[in-house]
Amino acid sequence: MSDREERVRLFRMARDIPFRTPLNTEEQGYACVAKPEILDRMLQTIGLESRHIIAKFLWEDVNLPEKVLKYNHEDPETHEYLEVKIPETDEWVVVDPTWDSLITTMAFPT
C-alpha cells in the first residue's frame, strides 16, 4: 500500500464513524471534535503532522432546513477540523472527517 493509500484509508476510517452528538456529558460524541482527534492520533502513527483548527460559524449561514434552525443552539457555534502537512510538498491541506458517508446520502449539507 502506498503512503497516499494508507492516508486515505485512515481518513475514511475516521470519517465513517457514524456522526453522533452526545445528549449529555456522560455520552461519547462522534462529531467535529472527537473525529478530528481520532484522525490526528491515527495520522501520528504514520508520521504525519497535523494541527487542529477551530472555526466559528452561525447556523443561519449554513444551508440547514428551517426545522433544524428552530432547535436550541449557540450562535456563534464552533467547528473543528484538521490541517495536515503533506511531507512530499511541505504544504498544509484541510482535512475534515466530520461528515460520514451516510450523512451525504441524507441530503444533509456538507
PDB file of N, CA and C in Angstrom:
ATOM      1  N   MET A   1       0.852  -1.175   0.000  1.00  0.00           N
ATOM      2  CA  MET A   1       0.000   0.000   0.000  1.00  0.00           C
ATOM      3  C   MET A   1       0.897   1.237   0.000  1.00  0.00           C
ATOM      4  N   SER A   2       0.592   2.186  -0.858  1.00  0.00           N
ATOM      5  CA  SER A   2       1.389   3.415  -0.939  1.00  0.00           C
ATOM      6  C   SER A   2       1.091   4.314   0.262  1.00  0.00           C
ATOM      7  N   ASP A   3       1.958   5.303   0.493  1.00  0.00           N
ATOM      8  CA  ASP A   3       1.721   6.272   1.567  1.00  0.00           C
ATOM      9  C   ASP A   3       0.370   6.954   1.391  1.00  0.00           C
ATOM     10  N   ARG A   4       0.072   7.352   0.155  1.00  0.00           N
ATOM     11  CA  ARG A   4      -1.192   8.040  -0.122  1.00  0.00           C
ATOM     12  C   ARG A   4      -2.386   7.136   0.182  1.00  0.00           C
ATOM     13  N   GLU A   5      -2.322   5.891  -0.245  1.00  0.00           N
ATOM     14  CA  GLU A   5      -3.424   4.955   0.002  1.00  0.00           C
ATOM     15  C   GLU A   5      -3.634   4.744   1.503  1.00  0.00           C
ATOM     16  N   GLU A   6      -2.552   4.673   2.263  1.00  0.00           N
ATOM     17  CA  GLU A   6      -2.663   4.498   3.713  1.00  0.00           C
ATOM     18  C   GLU A   6      -3.294   5.735   4.354  1.00  0.00           C
ATOM     19  N   ARG A   7      -2.931   6.917   3.891  1.00  0.00           N
ATOM     20  CA  ARG A   7      -3.517   8.157   4.416  1.00  0.00           C
ATOM     21  C   ARG A   7      -5.010   8.208   4.129  1.00  0.00           C
ATOM     22  N   VAL A   8      -5.396   7.851   2.926  1.00  0.00           N
ATOM     23  CA  VAL A   8      -6.811   7.839   2.543  1.00  0.00           C
ATOM     24  C   VAL A   8      -7.566   6.799   3.372  1.00  0.00           C
ATOM     25  N   ARG A   9      -6.965   5.641   3.579  1.00  0.00           N
ATOM     26  CA  ARG A   9      -7.594   4.581   4.378  1.00  0.00           C
ATOM     27  C   ARG A   9      -7.872   5.072   5.798  1.00  0.00           C
ATOM     28  N   LEU A  10      -6.897   5.730   6.409  1.00  0.00           N
ATOM     29  CA  LEU A  10      -7.075   6.237   7.772  1.00  0.00           C
ATOM     30  C   LEU A  10      -8.136   7.332   7.817  1.00  0.00           C
ATOM     31  N   PHE A  11      -8.125   8.225   6.829  1.00  0.00           N
ATOM     32  CA  PHE A  11      -9.157   9.265   6.763  1.00  0.00           C
ATOM     33  C   PHE A  11     -10.545   8.640   6.700  1.00  0.00           C
ATOM     34  N   ARG A  12     -10.718   7.668   5.822  1.00  0.00           N
ATOM     35  CA  ARG A  12     -12.036   7.029   5.668  1.00  0.00           C
ATOM     36  C   ARG A  12     -12.469   6.317   6.944  1.00  0.00           C
ATOM     37  N   MET A  13     -11.520   5.723   7.661  1.00  0.00           N
ATOM     38  CA  MET A  13     -11.858   5.059   8.925  1.00  0.00           C
ATOM     39  C   MET A  13     -12.439   6.066   9.920  1.00  0.00           C
ATOM     40  N   ALA A  14     -11.792   7.220  10.048  1.00  0.00           N
ATOM     41  CA  ALA A  14     -12.277   8.246  10.984  1.00  0.00           C
ATOM     42  C   ALA A  14     -13.577   8.861  10.478  1.00  0.00           C
ATOM     43  N   ARG A  15     -13.619   9.198   9.192  1.00  0.00           N
ATOM     44  CA  ARG A  15     -14.813   9.831   8.613  1.00  0.00           C
ATOM     45  C   ARG A  15     -16.039   8.946   8.768  1.00  0.00           C
ATOM     46  N   ASP A  16     -15.891   7.650   8.575  1.00  0.00           N
ATOM     47  CA  ASP A  16     -17.045   6.769   8.538  1.00  0.00           C
ATOM     48  C   ASP A  16     -17.485   6.227   9.892  1.00  0.00           C
ATOM     49  N   ILE A  17     -16.901   6.762  10.973  1.00  0.00           N
ATOM     50  CA  ILE A  17     -17.507   6.548  12.291  1.00  0.00           C
ATOM     51  C   ILE A  17     -18.823   7.329  12.242  1.00  0.00           C
ATOM     52  N   PRO A  18     -19.950   6.692  12.507  1.00  0.00           N
ATOM     53  CA  PRO A  18     -21.230   7.408  12.383  1.00  0.00           C
ATOM     54  C   PRO A  18     -21.264   8.689  13.218  1.00  0.00           C
ATOM     55  N   PHE A  19     -21.654   9.785  12.566  1.00  0.00           N
ATOM     56  CA  PHE A  19     -21.778  11.084  13.219  1.00  0.00           C
ATOM     57  C   PHE A  19     -22.771  10.974  14.360  1.00  0.00           C
ATOM     58  N   ARG A  20     -22.380  11.503  15.514  1.00  0.00           N
ATOM     59  CA  ARG A  20     -23.274  11.441  16.672  1.00  0.00           C
ATOM     60  C   ARG A  20     -22.937  12.573  17.626  1.00  0.00           C
ATOM     61  N   THR A  21     -23.934  13.348  17.988  1.00  0.00           N
ATOM     62  CA  THR A  21     -23.739  14.361  19.023  1.00  0.00           C
ATOM     63  C   THR A  21     -24.241  13.786  20.343  1.00  0.00           C
ATOM     64  N   PRO A  22     -23.482  13.972  21.409  1.00  0.00           N
ATOM     65  CA  PRO A  22     -23.907  13.418  22.703  1.00  0.00           C
ATOM     66  C   PRO A  22     -25.107  14.178  23.247  1.00  0.00           C
ATOM     67  N   LEU A  23     -25.957  13.461  23.961  1.00  0.00           N
ATOM     68  CA  LEU A  23     -27.138  14.082  24.554  1.00  0.00           C
ATOM     69  C   LEU A  23     -26.872  14.578  25.973  1.00  0.00           C
ATOM     70  N   ASN A  24     -25.765  14.120  26.560  1.00  0.00           N
ATOM     71  CA  ASN A  24     -25.372  14.595  27.886  1.00  0.00           C
ATOM     72  C   ASN A  24     -23.859  14.442  28.026  1.00  0.00           C
ATOM     73  N   THR A  25     -23.317  14.903  29.139  1.00  0.00           N
ATOM     74  CA  THR A  25     -21.860  14.913  29.312  1.00  0.00           C
ATOM     75  C   THR A  25     -21.263  13.524  29.526  1.00  0.00           C
ATOM     76  N   GLU A  26     -22.079  12.545  29.842  1.00  0.00           N
ATOM     77  CA  GLU A  26     -21.568  11.186  30.033  1.00  0.00           C
ATOM     78  C   GLU A  26     -21.437  10.406  28.722  1.00  0.00           C
ATOM     79  N   GLU A  27     -22.123  10.847  27.682  1.00  0.00           N
ATOM     80  CA  GLU A  27     -22.115  10.128  26.401  1.00  0.00           C
ATOM     81  C   GLU A  27     -20.944  10.544  25.529  1.00  0.00           C
ATOM     82  N   GLN A  28     -20.442   9.596  24.757  1.00  0.00           N
ATOM     83  CA  GLN A  28     -19.380   9.868  23.789  1.00  0.00           C
ATOM     84  C   GLN A  28     -20.014  10.383  22.497  1.00  0.00           C
ATOM     85  N   GLY A  29     -19.519  11.486  22.017  1.00  0.00           N
ATOM     86  CA  GLY A  29     -19.973  12.015  20.741  1.00  0.00           C
ATOM     87  C   GLY A  29     -18.941  11.717  19.661  1.00  0.00           C
ATOM     88  N   TYR A  30     -19.407  11.664  18.440  1.00  0.00           N
ATOM     89  CA  TYR A  30     -18.518  11.500  17.287  1.00  0.00           C
ATOM     90  C   TYR A  30     -18.905  12.561  16.269  1.00  0.00           C
ATOM     91  N   ALA A  31     -18.443  13.773  16.550  1.00  0.00           N
ATOM     92  CA  ALA A  31     -18.747  14.907  15.683  1.00  0.00           C
ATOM     93  C   ALA A  31     -17.448  15.650  15.400  1.00  0.00           C
ATOM     94  N   CYS A  32     -17.516  16.959  15.351  1.00  0.00           N
ATOM     95  CA  CYS A  32     -16.377  17.738  14.869  1.00  0.00           C
ATOM     96  C   CYS A  32     -15.273  17.973  15.888  1.00  0.00           C
ATOM     97  N   VAL A  33     -15.352  17.399  17.056  1.00  0.00           N
ATOM     98  CA  VAL A  33     -14.229  17.456  17.993  1.00  0.00           C
ATOM     99  C   VAL A  33     -13.579  16.079  18.087  1.00  0.00           C
ATOM    100  N   ALA A  34     -14.385  15.065  18.333  1.00  0.00           N
ATOM    101  CA  ALA A  34     -13.839  13.720  18.526  1.00  0.00           C
ATOM    102  C   ALA A  34     -13.236  13.138  17.253  1.00  0.00           C
ATOM    103  N   LYS A  35     -13.916  13.301  16.138  1.00  0.00           N
ATOM    104  CA  LYS A  35     -13.424  12.664  14.904  1.00  0.00           C
ATOM    105  C   LYS A  35     -12.092  13.242  14.426  1.00  0.00           C
ATOM    106  N   PRO A  36     -11.878  14.573  14.453  1.00  0.00           N
ATOM    107  CA  PRO A  36     -10.533  15.070  14.112  1.00  0.00           C
ATOM    108  C   PRO A  36      -9.463  14.571  15.092  1.00  0.00           C
ATOM    109  N   GLU A  37      -9.809  14.460  16.371  1.00  0.00           N
ATOM    110  CA  GLU A  37      -8.847  13.957  17.350  1.00  0.00           C
ATOM    111  C   GLU A  37      -8.468  12.509  17.048  1.00  0.00           C
ATOM    112  N   ILE A  38      -9.455  11.701  16.714  1.00  0.00           N
ATOM    113  CA  ILE A  38      -9.195  10.298  16.356  1.00  0.00           C
ATOM    114  C   ILE A  38      -8.299  10.234  15.126  1.00  0.00           C
ATOM    115  N   LEU A  39      -8.641  11.008  14.106  1.00  0.00           N
ATOM    116  CA  LEU A  39      -7.825  11.004  12.883  1.00  0.00           C
ATOM    117  C   LEU A  39      -6.421  11.509  13.168  1.00  0.00           C
ATOM    118  N   ASP A  40      -6.281  12.541  13.961  1.00  0.00           N
ATOM    119  CA  ASP A  40      -4.966  13.069  14.316  1.00  0.00           C
ATOM    120  C   ASP A  40      -4.097  11.977  14.932  1.00  0.00           C
ATOM    121  N   ARG A  41      -4.648  11.237  15.884  1.00  0.00           N
ATOM    122  CA  ARG A  41      -3.882  10.153  16.524  1.00  0.00           C
ATOM    123  C   ARG A  41      -3.487   9.076  15.517  1.00  0.00           C
ATOM    124  N   MET A  42      -4.379   8.743  14.591  1.00  0.00           N
ATOM    125  CA  MET A  42      -4.055   7.730  13.578  1.00  0.00           C
ATOM    126  C   MET A  42      -2.962   8.241  12.641  1.00  0.00           C
ATOM    127  N   LEU A  43      -3.042   9.501  12.241  1.00  0.00           N
ATOM    128  CA  LEU A  43      -2.032  10.055  11.332  1.00  0.00           C
ATOM    129  C   LEU A  43      -0.662  10.141  11.998  1.00  0.00           C
ATOM    130  N   GLN A  44      -0.653  10.380  13.305  1.00  0.00           N
ATOM    131  CA  GLN A  44       0.616  10.407  14.038  1.00  0.00           C
ATOM    132  C   GLN A  44       1.328   9.057  13.956  1.00  0.00           C
ATOM    133  N   THR A  45       0.567   7.964  13.912  1.00  0.00           N
ATOM    134  CA  THR A  45       1.193   6.632  13.863  1.00  0.00           C
ATOM    135  C   THR A  45       1.957   6.394  12.569  1.00  0.00           C
ATOM    136  N   ILE A  46       1.639   7.185  11.525  1.00  0.00           N
ATOM    137  CA  ILE A  46       2.376   7.046  10.263  1.00  0.00           C
ATOM    138  C   ILE A  46       3.271   8.258  10.004  1.00  0.00           C
ATOM    139  N   GLY A  47       3.477   9.067  11.069  1.00  0.00           N
ATOM    140  CA  GLY A  47       4.438  10.153  10.991  1.00  0.00           C
ATOM    141  C   GLY A  47       3.955  11.449  10.370  1.00  0.00           C
ATOM    142  N   LEU A  48       2.637  11.617  10.220  1.00  0.00           N
ATOM    143  CA  LEU A  48       2.136  12.867   9.646  1.00  0.00           C
ATOM    144  C   LEU A  48       1.878  13.892  10.746  1.00  0.00           C
ATOM    145  N   GLU A  49       2.195  15.130  10.438  1.00  0.00           N
ATOM    146  CA  GLU A  49       1.981  16.242  11.343  1.00  0.00           C
ATOM    147  C   GLU A  49       0.640  16.888  11.013  1.00  0.00           C
ATOM    148  N   SER A  50      -0.125  17.221  12.047  1.00  0.00           N
ATOM    149  CA  SER A  50      -1.393  17.902  11.812  1.00  0.00           C
ATOM    150  C   SER A  50      -1.610  18.940  12.894  1.00  0.00           C
ATOM    151  N   ARG A  51      -2.505  19.873  12.609  1.00  0.00           N
ATOM    152  CA  ARG A  51      -2.858  20.891  13.592  1.00  0.00           C
ATOM    153  C   ARG A  51      -4.376  21.054  13.578  1.00  0.00           C
ATOM    154  N   HIS A  52      -4.916  21.299  14.770  1.00  0.00           N
ATOM    155  CA  HIS A  52      -6.362  21.448  14.929  1.00  0.00           C
ATOM    156  C   HIS A  52      -6.753  22.899  14.672  1.00  0.00           C
ATOM    157  N   ILE A  53      -7.777  23.093  13.857  1.00  0.00           N
ATOM    158  CA  ILE A  53      -8.298  24.417  13.539  1.00  0.00           C
ATOM    159  C   ILE A  53      -9.719  24.501  14.090  1.00  0.00           C
ATOM    160  N   ILE A  54     -10.005  25.589  14.777  1.00  0.00           N
ATOM    161  CA  ILE A  54     -11.355  25.811  15.303  1.00  0.00           C
ATOM    162  C   ILE A  54     -11.908  27.062  14.637  1.00  0.00           C
ATOM    163  N   ALA A  55     -13.036  26.884  13.971  1.00  0.00           N
ATOM    164  CA  ALA A  55     -13.681  27.985  13.252  1.00  0.00           C
ATOM    165  C   ALA A  55     -15.032  28.283  13.892  1.00  0.00           C
ATOM    166  N   LYS A  56     -15.451  29.530  13.822  1.00  0.00           N
ATOM    167  CA  LYS A  56     -16.774  29.918  14.306  1.00  0.00           C
ATOM    168  C   LYS A  56     -17.701  30.119  13.118  1.00  0.00           C
ATOM    169  N   PHE A  57     -18.968  29.787  13.315  1.00  0.00           N
ATOM    170  CA  PHE A  57     -19.964  29.994  12.269  1.00  0.00           C
ATOM    171  C   PHE A  57     -21.327  30.243  12.896  1.00  0.00           C
ATOM    172  N   LEU A  58     -22.224  30.805  12.129  1.00  0.00           N
ATOM    173  CA  LEU A  58     -23.613  30.997  12.533  1.00  0.00           C
ATOM    174  C   LEU A  58     -24.469  29.934  11.843  1.00  0.00           C
ATOM    175  N   TRP A  59     -25.373  29.322  12.582  1.00  0.00           N
ATOM    176  CA  TRP A  59     -26.245  28.307  11.986  1.00  0.00           C
ATOM    177  C   TRP A  59     -27.000  28.874  10.790  1.00  0.00           C
ATOM    178  N   GLU A  60     -27.393  30.123  10.887  1.00  0.00           N
ATOM    179  CA  GLU A  60     -28.181  30.742   9.822  1.00  0.00           C
ATOM    180  C   GLU A  60     -27.382  30.883   8.520  1.00  0.00           C
ATOM    181  N   ASP A  61     -26.058  30.845   8.614  1.00  0.00           N
ATOM    182  CA  ASP A  61     -25.213  30.962   7.424  1.00  0.00           C
ATOM    183  C   ASP A  61     -24.988  29.621   6.723  1.00  0.00           C
ATOM    184  N   VAL A  62     -25.426  28.552   7.368  1.00  0.00           N
ATOM    185  CA  VAL A  62     -25.273  27.207   6.807  1.00  0.00           C
ATOM    186  C   VAL A  62     -26.604  26.812   6.184  1.00  0.00           C
ATOM    187  N   ASN A  63     -26.565  26.087   5.109  1.00  0.00           N
ATOM    188  CA  ASN A  63     -27.785  25.700   4.397  1.00  0.00           C
ATOM    189  C   ASN A  63     -28.510  24.581   5.145  1.00  0.00           C
ATOM    190  N   LEU A  64     -29.156  24.958   6.266  1.00  0.00           N
ATOM    191  CA  LEU A  64     -29.885  23.988   7.078  1.00  0.00           C
ATOM    192  C   LEU A  64     -31.385  24.174   6.891  1.00  0.00           C
ATOM    193  N   PRO A  65     -32.136  23.098   6.996  1.00  0.00           N
ATOM    194  CA  PRO A  65     -33.597  23.225   6.917  1.00  0.00           C
ATOM    195  C   PRO A  65     -34.132  24.090   8.065  1.00  0.00           C
ATOM    196  N   GLU A  66     -35.216  24.803   7.822  1.00  0.00           N
ATOM    197  CA  GLU A  66     -35.822  25.680   8.834  1.00  0.00           C
ATOM    198  C   GLU A  66     -36.111  24.928  10.134  1.00  0.00           C
ATOM    199  N   LYS A  67     -36.588  23.691  10.029  1.00  0.00           N
ATOM    200  CA  LYS A  67     -36.930  22.953  11.249  1.00  0.00           C
ATOM    201  C   LYS A  67     -35.689  22.682  12.100  1.00  0.00           C
ATOM    202  N   VAL A  68     -34.539  22.563  11.495  1.00  0.00           N
ATOM    203  CA  VAL A  68     -33.300  22.369  12.249  1.00  0.00           C
ATOM    204  C   VAL A  68     -32.889  23.673  12.921  1.00  0.00           C
ATOM    205  N   LEU A  69     -33.061  24.782  12.223  1.00  0.00           N
ATOM    206  CA  LEU A  69     -32.696  26.082  12.780  1.00  0.00           C
ATOM    207  C   LEU A  69     -33.513  26.439  14.021  1.00  0.00           C
ATOM    208  N   LYS A  70     -34.656  25.801  14.203  1.00  0.00           N
ATOM    209  CA  LYS A  70     -35.503  26.082  15.365  1.00  0.00           C
ATOM    210  C   LYS A  70     -34.988  25.422  16.641  1.00  0.00           C
ATOM    211  N   TYR A  71     -34.097  24.419  16.515  1.00  0.00           N
ATOM    212  CA  TYR A  71     -33.539  23.761  17.699  1.00  0.00           C
ATOM    213  C   TYR A  71     -32.684  24.745  18.483  1.00  0.00           C
ATOM    214  N   ASN A  72     -32.666  24.546  19.786  1.00  0.00           N
ATOM    215  CA  ASN A  72     -31.824  25.375  20.635  1.00  0.00           C
ATOM    216  C   ASN A  72     -30.356  25.180  20.239  1.00  0.00           C
ATOM    217  N   HIS A  73     -29.650  26.275  20.017  1.00  0.00           N
ATOM    218  CA  HIS A  73     -28.245  26.201  19.613  1.00  0.00           C
ATOM    219  C   HIS A  73     -27.530  27.482  20.006  1.00  0.00           C
ATOM    220  N   GLU A  74     -26.214  27.413  19.972  1.00  0.00           N
ATOM    221  CA  GLU A  74     -25.406  28.590  20.269  1.00  0.00           C
ATOM    222  C   GLU A  74     -25.057  29.300  18.970  1.00  0.00           C
ATOM    223  N   ASP A  75     -25.005  30.607  19.023  1.00  0.00           N
ATOM    224  CA  ASP A  75     -24.531  31.408  17.895  1.00  0.00           C
ATOM    225  C   ASP A  75     -23.551  32.427  18.443  1.00  0.00           C
ATOM    226  N   PRO A  76     -22.320  32.472  18.024  1.00  0.00           N
ATOM    227  CA  PRO A  76     -21.779  31.569  17.020  1.00  0.00           C
ATOM    228  C   PRO A  76     -21.455  30.201  17.616  1.00  0.00           C
ATOM    229  N   GLU A  77     -21.441  29.220  16.753  1.00  0.00           N
ATOM    230  CA  GLU A  77     -21.082  27.838  17.088  1.00  0.00           C
ATOM    231  C   GLU A  77     -19.641  27.632  16.629  1.00  0.00           C
ATOM    232  N   THR A  78     -19.011  26.573  17.096  1.00  0.00           N
ATOM    233  CA  THR A  78     -17.651  26.274  16.639  1.00  0.00           C
ATOM    234  C   THR A  78     -17.629  24.954  15.879  1.00  0.00           C
ATOM    235  N   HIS A  79     -16.645  24.829  15.011  1.00  0.00           N
ATOM    236  CA  HIS A  79     -16.422  23.609  14.244  1.00  0.00           C
ATOM    237  C   HIS A  79     -14.924  23.363  14.214  1.00  0.00           C
ATOM    238  N   GLU A  80     -14.524  22.127  14.455  1.00  0.00           N
ATOM    239  CA  GLU A  80     -13.105  21.783  14.469  1.00  0.00           C
ATOM    240  C   GLU A  80     -12.776  20.844  13.312  1.00  0.00           C
ATOM    241  N   TYR A  81     -11.634  21.073  12.694  1.00  0.00           N
ATOM    242  CA  TYR A  81     -11.130  20.209  11.630  1.00  0.00           C
ATOM    243  C   TYR A  81      -9.617  20.227  11.694  1.00  0.00           C
ATOM    244  N   LEU A  82      -8.970  19.507  10.808  1.00  0.00           N
ATOM    245  CA  LEU A  82      -7.505  19.434  10.803  1.00  0.00           C
ATOM    246  C   LEU A  82      -6.910  20.090   9.577  1.00  0.00           C
ATOM    247  N   GLU A  83      -5.694  20.539   9.731  1.00  0.00           N
ATOM    248  CA  GLU A  83      -4.815  20.811   8.607  1.00  0.00           C
ATOM    249  C   GLU A  83      -3.685  19.809   8.742  1.00  0.00           C
ATOM    250  N   VAL A  84      -3.388  19.109   7.660  1.00  0.00           N
ATOM    251  CA  VAL A  84      -2.379  18.048   7.673  1.00  0.00           C
ATOM    252  C   VAL A  84      -1.249  18.451   6.741  1.00  0.00           C
ATOM    253  N   LYS A  85      -0.022  18.296   7.228  1.00  0.00           N
ATOM    254  CA  LYS A  85       1.147  18.632   6.419  1.00  0.00           C
ATOM    255  C   LYS A  85       1.503  17.444   5.535  1.00  0.00           C
ATOM    256  N   ILE A  86       1.540  17.695   4.228  1.00  0.00           N
ATOM    257  CA  ILE A  86       1.913  16.656   3.265  1.00  0.00           C
ATOM    258  C   ILE A  86       3.434  16.722   3.109  1.00  0.00           C
ATOM    259  N   PRO A  87       4.148  15.707   3.573  1.00  0.00           N
ATOM    260  CA  PRO A  87       5.614  15.798   3.596  1.00  0.00           C
ATOM    261  C   PRO A  87       6.263  15.915   2.218  1.00  0.00           C
ATOM    262  N   GLU A  88       5.630  15.347   1.202  1.00  0.00           N
ATOM    263  CA  GLU A  88       6.212  15.397  -0.142  1.00  0.00           C
ATOM    264  C   GLU A  88       6.237  16.819  -0.716  1.00  0.00           C
ATOM    265  N   THR A  89       5.274  17.653  -0.288  1.00  0.00           N
ATOM    266  CA  THR A  89       5.172  19.011  -0.847  1.00  0.00           C
ATOM    267  C   THR A  89       5.393  20.099   0.197  1.00  0.00           C
ATOM    268  N   ASP A  90       5.445  19.716   1.467  1.00  0.00           N
ATOM    269  CA  ASP A  90       5.559  20.674   2.575  1.00  0.00           C
ATOM    270  C   ASP A  90       4.353  21.604   2.662  1.00  0.00           C
ATOM    271  N   GLU A  91       3.220  21.210   2.094  1.00  0.00           N
ATOM    272  CA  GLU A  91       2.003  22.020   2.115  1.00  0.00           C
ATOM    273  C   GLU A  91       1.045  21.494   3.177  1.00  0.00           C
ATOM    274  N   TRP A  92       0.261  22.411   3.739  1.00  0.00           N
ATOM    275  CA  TRP A  92      -0.797  22.068   4.676  1.00  0.00           C
ATOM    276  C   TRP A  92      -2.109  21.991   3.904  1.00  0.00           C
ATOM    277  N   VAL A  93      -2.861  20.913   4.105  1.00  0.00           N
ATOM    278  CA  VAL A  93      -4.154  20.749   3.438  1.00  0.00           C
ATOM    279  C   VAL A  93      -5.257  20.586   4.486  1.00  0.00           C
ATOM    280  N   VAL A  94      -6.446  21.077   4.158  1.00  0.00           N
ATOM    281  CA  VAL A  94      -7.600  20.958   5.047  1.00  0.00           C
ATOM    282  C   VAL A  94      -8.146  19.540   4.952  1.00  0.00           C
ATOM    283  N   VAL A  95      -8.350  18.922   6.121  1.00  0.00           N
ATOM    284  CA  VAL A  95      -8.896  17.564   6.198  1.00  0.00           C
ATOM    285  C   VAL A  95      -9.981  17.568   7.269  1.00  0.00           C
ATOM    286  N   ASP A  96     -11.211  17.268   6.864  1.00  0.00           N
ATOM    287  CA  ASP A  96     -12.336  17.317   7.801  1.00  0.00           C
ATOM    288  C   ASP A  96     -13.093  15.991   7.768  1.00  0.00           C
ATOM    289  N   PRO A  97     -12.896  15.142   8.792  1.00  0.00           N
ATOM    290  CA  PRO A  97     -13.569  13.845   8.826  1.00  0.00           C
ATOM    291  C   PRO A  97     -14.954  13.869   9.468  1.00  0.00           C
ATOM    292  N   THR A  98     -15.499  15.054   9.705  1.00  0.00           N
ATOM    293  CA  THR A  98     -16.738  15.173  10.482  1.00  0.00           C
ATOM    294  C   THR A  98     -17.911  14.410   9.882  1.00  0.00           C
ATOM    295  N   TRP A  99     -18.178  14.631   8.599  1.00  0.00           N
ATOM    296  CA  TRP A  99     -19.402  14.096   7.993  1.00  0.00           C
ATOM    297  C   TRP A  99     -19.161  12.715   7.415  1.00  0.00           C
ATOM    298  N   ASP A 100     -19.784  11.706   7.998  1.00  0.00           N
ATOM    299  CA  ASP A 100     -19.613  10.338   7.495  1.00  0.00           C
ATOM    300  C   ASP A 100     -20.361  10.141   6.178  1.00  0.00           C
ATOM    301  N   SER A 101     -20.035   9.070   5.493  1.00  0.00           N
ATOM    302  CA  SER A 101     -20.607   8.800   4.165  1.00  0.00           C
ATOM    303  C   SER A 101     -22.124   8.713   4.179  1.00  0.00           C
ATOM    304  N   LEU A 102     -22.706   8.173   5.234  1.00  0.00           N
ATOM    305  CA  LEU A 102     -24.155   8.027   5.300  1.00  0.00           C
ATOM    306  C   LEU A 102     -24.846   9.384   5.300  1.00  0.00           C
ATOM    307  N   ILE A 103     -24.264  10.368   5.971  1.00  0.00           N
ATOM    308  CA  ILE A 103     -24.890  11.695   6.029  1.00  0.00           C
ATOM    309  C   ILE A 103     -25.046  12.282   4.638  1.00  0.00           C
ATOM    310  N   THR A 104     -24.075  12.078   3.764  1.00  0.00           N
ATOM    311  CA  THR A 104     -24.168  12.667   2.427  1.00  0.00           C
ATOM    312  C   THR A 104     -25.322  12.070   1.620  1.00  0.00           C
ATOM    313  N   THR A 105     -25.792  10.879   1.990  1.00  0.00           N
ATOM    314  CA  THR A 105     -26.939  10.289   1.290  1.00  0.00           C
ATOM    315  C   THR A 105     -28.264  10.782   1.876  1.00  0.00           C
ATOM    316  N   MET A 106     -28.211  11.544   2.958  1.00  0.00           N
ATOM    317  CA  MET A 106     -29.412  12.006   3.642  1.00  0.00           C
ATOM    318  C   MET A 106     -29.721  13.463   3.353  1.00  0.00           C
ATOM    319  N   ALA A 107     -29.099  14.027   2.355  1.00  0.00           N
ATOM    320  CA  ALA A 107     -29.308  15.428   1.947  1.00  0.00           C
ATOM    321  C   ALA A 107     -28.947  16.404   3.046  1.00  0.00           C
ATOM    322  N   PHE A 108     -28.005  16.046   3.898  1.00  0.00           N
ATOM    323  CA  PHE A 108     -27.519  16.945   4.930  1.00  0.00           C
ATOM    324  C   PHE A 108     -26.419  17.806   4.315  1.00  0.00           C
ATOM    325  N   PRO A 109     -26.402  19.109   4.571  1.00  0.00           N
ATOM    326  CA  PRO A 109     -25.370  19.955   3.945  1.00  0.00           C
ATOM    327  C   PRO A 109     -23.976  19.602   4.429  1.00  0.00           C
ATOM    328  N   THR A 110     -23.058  19.408   3.512  1.00  0.00           N
ATOM    329  CA  THR A 110     -21.677  19.082   3.901  1.00  0.00           C
ATOM    330  C   THR A 110     -20.730  20.076   3.297  1.00  0.00           C
TER     331      THR A 110
END
